[in-house]
C-alpha atoms as a PDB file:
ATOM      1  CA  MET A   1      83.232  25.175   8.102  1.00  0.00           C
ATOM      2  CA  GLN A   2      82.791  28.889   7.789  1.00  0.00           C
ATOM      3  CA  ALA A   3      80.743  30.694  10.346  1.00  0.00           C
ATOM      4  CA  ALA A   4      77.679  32.357   8.888  1.00  0.00           C
ATOM      5  CA  GLU A   5      78.319  36.075   8.652  1.00  0.00           C
ATOM      6  CA  LYS A   6      75.841  38.298  10.367  1.00  0.00           C
ATOM      7  CA  THR A   7      74.303  40.908   8.143  1.00  0.00           C
ATOM      8  CA  GLU A   8      74.369  43.840  10.515  1.00  0.00           C
ATOM      9  CA  ARG A   9      72.409  46.887   9.492  1.00  0.00           C
ATOM     10  CA  VAL A  10      74.205  50.088  10.273  1.00  0.00           C
ATOM     11  CA  VAL A  11      71.830  52.424  12.095  1.00  0.00           C
ATOM     12  CA  TYR A  12      72.475  56.034  13.091  1.00  0.00           C
ATOM     13  CA  TRP A  13      70.352  57.611  15.836  1.00  0.00           C
ATOM     14  CA  GLY A  14      69.389  61.209  16.530  1.00  0.00           C
ATOM     15  CA  THR A  15      66.878  62.850  18.856  1.00  0.00           C
ATOM     16  CA  GLY A  16      65.135  66.072  17.929  1.00  0.00           C
ATOM     17  CA  ARG A  17      62.831  68.285  19.988  1.00  0.00           C
ATOM     18  CA  ARG A  18      60.636  71.272  19.161  1.00  0.00           C
ATOM     19  CA  LYS A  19      58.022  72.789  21.494  1.00  0.00           C
ATOM     20  CA  SER A  20      56.503  69.657  23.067  1.00  0.00           C
ATOM     21  CA  ALA A  21      57.311  67.322  20.144  1.00  0.00           C
ATOM     22  CA  VAL A  22      60.041  64.705  20.584  1.00  0.00           C
ATOM     23  CA  ALA A  23      61.300  62.742  17.556  1.00  0.00           C
ATOM     24  CA  ARG A  24      63.528  59.671  17.787  1.00  0.00           C
ATOM     25  CA  VAL A  25      65.129  59.357  14.343  1.00  0.00           C
ATOM     26  CA  ARG A  26      66.963  56.394  12.813  1.00  0.00           C
ATOM     27  CA  LEU A  27      68.944  56.658   9.578  1.00  0.00           C
ATOM     28  CA  VAL A  28      69.285  53.335   7.763  1.00  0.00           C
ATOM     29  CA  PRO A  29      71.003  52.804   4.387  1.00  0.00           C
ATOM     30  CA  GLY A  30      68.211  52.621   1.813  1.00  0.00           C
ATOM     31  CA  ASN A  31      66.575  54.562  -0.984  1.00  0.00           C
ATOM     32  CA  GLY A  32      65.263  57.715   0.711  1.00  0.00           C
ATOM     33  CA  THR A  33      61.872  56.704   2.118  1.00  0.00           C
ATOM     34  CA  LEU A  34      60.424  58.538   5.123  1.00  0.00           C
ATOM     35  CA  THR A  35      58.430  56.517   7.683  1.00  0.00           C
ATOM     36  CA  ILE A  36      56.818  58.276  10.653  1.00  0.00           C
ATOM     37  CA  ASN A  37      55.158  56.216  13.409  1.00  0.00           C
ATOM     38  CA  GLY A  38      54.895  53.229  11.054  1.00  0.00           C
ATOM     39  CA  LYS A  39      53.103  55.229   8.328  1.00  0.00           C
ATOM     40  CA  PRO A  40      54.480  56.807   5.143  1.00  0.00           C
ATOM     41  CA  GLY A  41      55.870  60.247   5.965  1.00  0.00           C
ATOM     42  CA  GLU A  42      53.719  61.974   3.324  1.00  0.00           C
ATOM     43  CA  LEU A  43      50.572  60.606   4.955  1.00  0.00           C
ATOM     44  CA  HIS A  44      51.626  61.610   8.481  1.00  0.00           C
ATOM     45  CA  LEU A  45      52.585  65.146   7.385  1.00  0.00           C
ATOM     46  CA  GLN A  46      49.330  65.417   5.372  1.00  0.00           C
ATOM     47  CA  PHE A  47      51.093  65.711   2.003  1.00  0.00           C
ATOM     48  CA  ASN A  48      52.279  69.225   2.950  1.00  0.00           C
ATOM     49  CA  PRO A  49      55.272  69.974   0.684  1.00  0.00           C
ATOM     50  CA  SER A  50      56.853  72.459   3.104  1.00  0.00           C
ATOM     51  CA  TYR A  51      56.823  69.959   5.998  1.00  0.00           C
ATOM     52  CA  LEU A  52      58.272  67.251   3.749  1.00  0.00           C
ATOM     53  CA  ALA A  53      60.988  69.622   2.525  1.00  0.00           C
ATOM     54  CA  VAL A  54      61.856  70.583   6.121  1.00  0.00           C
ATOM     55  CA  THR A  55      62.269  66.955   7.209  1.00  0.00           C
ATOM     56  CA  LYS A  56      64.600  66.065   4.311  1.00  0.00           C
ATOM     57  CA  ALA A  57      66.546  69.361   4.237  1.00  0.00           C
ATOM     58  CA  PRO A  58      69.674  68.099   6.100  1.00  0.00           C
ATOM     59  CA  LEU A  59      70.015  65.148   3.702  1.00  0.00           C
ATOM     60  CA  GLU A  60      69.596  67.423   0.672  1.00  0.00           C
ATOM     61  CA  THR A  61      72.268  69.788   2.026  1.00  0.00           C
ATOM     62  CA  LEU A  62      74.749  66.895   2.005  1.00  0.00           C
ATOM     63  CA  GLY A  63      73.398  65.335  -1.219  1.00  0.00           C
ATOM     64  CA  LEU A  64      72.358  62.094   0.542  1.00  0.00           C
ATOM     65  CA  GLU A  65      68.551  62.265   0.019  1.00  0.00           C
ATOM     66  CA  ASN A  66      68.433  58.932  -1.884  1.00  0.00           C
ATOM     67  CA  ASP A  67      71.030  57.073   0.202  1.00  0.00           C
ATOM     68  CA  TYR A  68      69.282  56.730   3.587  1.00  0.00           C
ATOM     69  CA  ASP A  69      65.811  55.782   4.806  1.00  0.00           C
ATOM     70  CA  ILE A  70      64.444  57.872   7.673  1.00  0.00           C
ATOM     71  CA  LEU A  71      62.532  55.943  10.365  1.00  0.00           C
ATOM     72  CA  VAL A  72      60.905  58.164  12.990  1.00  0.00           C
ATOM     73  CA  ASN A  73      58.923  57.776  16.205  1.00  0.00           C
ATOM     74  CA  VAL A  74      57.470  61.137  17.150  1.00  0.00           C
ATOM     75  CA  ARG A  75      55.227  62.096  20.087  1.00  0.00           C
ATOM     76  CA  GLY A  76      53.623  65.319  21.279  1.00  0.00           C
ATOM     77  CA  GLY A  77      52.939  68.641  19.626  1.00  0.00           C
ATOM     78  CA  GLY A  78      51.529  69.343  16.184  1.00  0.00           C
ATOM     79  CA  LEU A  79      52.710  68.919  12.629  1.00  0.00           C
ATOM     80  CA  THR A  80      55.056  71.923  12.629  1.00  0.00           C
ATOM     81  CA  GLY A  81      56.691  70.684  15.821  1.00  0.00           C
ATOM     82  CA  HIS A  82      56.946  67.178  14.347  1.00  0.00           C
ATOM     83  CA  ALA A  83      58.598  68.427  11.146  1.00  0.00           C
ATOM     84  CA  ASP A  84      61.149  70.600  12.960  1.00  0.00           C
ATOM     85  CA  ALA A  85      61.910  67.904  15.551  1.00  0.00           C
ATOM     86  CA  ILE A  86      62.508  65.379  12.758  1.00  0.00           C
ATOM     87  CA  ARG A  87      64.843  67.832  10.992  1.00  0.00           C
ATOM     88  CA  LEU A  88      66.954  68.239  14.146  1.00  0.00           C
ATOM     89  CA  GLY A  89      67.012  64.466  14.712  1.00  0.00           C
ATOM     90  CA  VAL A  90      68.107  63.790  11.113  1.00  0.00           C
ATOM     91  CA  ALA A  91      70.853  66.421  11.385  1.00  0.00           C
ATOM     92  CA  ARG A  92      72.149  64.893  14.633  1.00  0.00           C
ATOM     93  CA  ALA A  93      72.107  61.407  13.109  1.00  0.00           C
ATOM     94  CA  LEU A  94      74.100  62.689  10.114  1.00  0.00           C
ATOM     95  CA  CYS A  95      76.714  64.080  12.509  1.00  0.00           C
ATOM     96  CA  GLU A  96      76.965  60.638  14.095  1.00  0.00           C
ATOM     97  CA  LEU A  97      77.364  59.119  10.615  1.00  0.00           C
ATOM     98  CA  ASP A  98      80.361  61.336   9.779  1.00  0.00           C
ATOM     99  CA  PRO A  99      81.765  64.116  11.995  1.00  0.00           C
ATOM    100  CA  ASP A 100      82.713  66.070   8.835  1.00  0.00           C
ATOM    101  CA  ASN A 101      78.989  66.614   8.181  1.00  0.00           C
ATOM    102  CA  ARG A 102      78.756  68.871  11.227  1.00  0.00           C
ATOM    103  CA  LYS A 103      80.148  72.048   9.637  1.00  0.00           C
ATOM    104  CA  PRO A 104      77.751  72.327   6.640  1.00  0.00           C
ATOM    105  CA  LEU A 105      74.764  71.395   8.826  1.00  0.00           C
ATOM    106  CA  LYS A 106      75.750  73.957  11.458  1.00  0.00           C
ATOM    107  CA  LEU A 107      76.092  76.681   8.793  1.00  0.00           C
ATOM    108  CA  GLU A 108      72.540  75.962   7.598  1.00  0.00           C
ATOM    109  CA  GLY A 109      71.274  76.100  11.213  1.00  0.00           C
ATOM    110  CA  TYR A 110      70.022  72.505  11.302  1.00  0.00           C
ATOM    111  CA  LEU A 111      71.846  71.639  14.544  1.00  0.00           C
ATOM    112  CA  THR A 112      70.295  74.483  16.557  1.00  0.00           C
ATOM    113  CA  ARG A 113      67.400  73.511  18.785  1.00  0.00           C
ATOM    114  CA  ASP A 114      64.619  76.088  18.636  1.00  0.00           C
ATOM    115  CA  PRO A 115      64.193  77.140  22.293  1.00  0.00           C
ATOM    116  CA  ARG A 116      60.769  78.771  21.861  1.00  0.00           C
ATOM    117  CA  ALA A 117      58.024  77.105  23.859  1.00  0.00           C
ATOM    118  CA  LYS A 118      54.581  77.959  25.171  1.00  0.00           C
ATOM    119  CA  GLU A 119      54.707  80.546  27.954  1.00  0.00           C
ATOM    120  CA  ARG A 120      53.251  79.487  31.299  1.00  0.00           C
ATOM    121  CA  ARG A 121      49.996  80.900  32.562  1.00  0.00           C
ATOM    122  CA  LYS A 122      50.277  83.461  35.367  1.00  0.00           C
ATOM    123  CA  TYR A 123      47.819  83.691  38.263  1.00  0.00           C
ATOM    124  CA  GLY A 124      45.300  86.515  37.981  1.00  0.00           C
ATOM    125  CA  LEU A 125      45.366  86.261  34.164  1.00  0.00           C
ATOM    126  CA  LYS A 126      43.272  84.219  31.773  1.00  0.00           C
ATOM    127  CA  LYS A 127      46.243  83.067  29.668  1.00  0.00           C
ATOM    128  CA  ALA A 128      49.974  83.842  29.768  1.00  0.00           C
ATOM    129  CA  ARG A 129      49.389  87.567  29.135  1.00  0.00           C
ATOM    130  CA  LYS A 130      45.657  88.048  28.566  1.00  0.00           C
ATOM    131  CA  ALA A 131      44.138  89.935  31.495  1.00  0.00           C
ATOM    132  CA  PRO A 132      40.467  89.993  32.501  1.00  0.00           C
ATOM    133  CA  GLN A 133      38.532  92.938  31.135  1.00  0.00           C
ATOM    134  CA  TYR A 134      39.049  96.081  33.187  1.00  0.00           C
ATOM    135  CA  SER A 135      35.939  97.842  34.434  1.00  0.00           C
ATOM    136  CA  LYS A 136      36.307 101.333  35.862  1.00  0.00           C
ATOM    137  CA  ARG A 137      32.749 101.507  37.277  1.00  0.00           C
END
């Protein structure tokens, strides 16, 4: 008797962050669908073509846009943060898939985490830099 072969799905993981958004990205062999938090990616990103282009940019750089499905869990932040966090997660997952992918992704800047974040509020001020109105008399 032959042992039943397990059909293991190959999954590549990547984590992306931007501002306060954190995206856990899985790349699974498929036909190029984007799923974010269990919903179609277009619906989650409000059918915004620039956000959709940003999320799939690393795959398009390597010519793999129709070879892998992107499954994402993302928390925190807004849509711009979500899109950029997903892009970083996809790029990191592609590096895990094949180390040779690192050079073209690095040249495009997809492996660089954007360090900008909201500045903390300082005491004596209303916001990070906004001061109360000055009154001379």
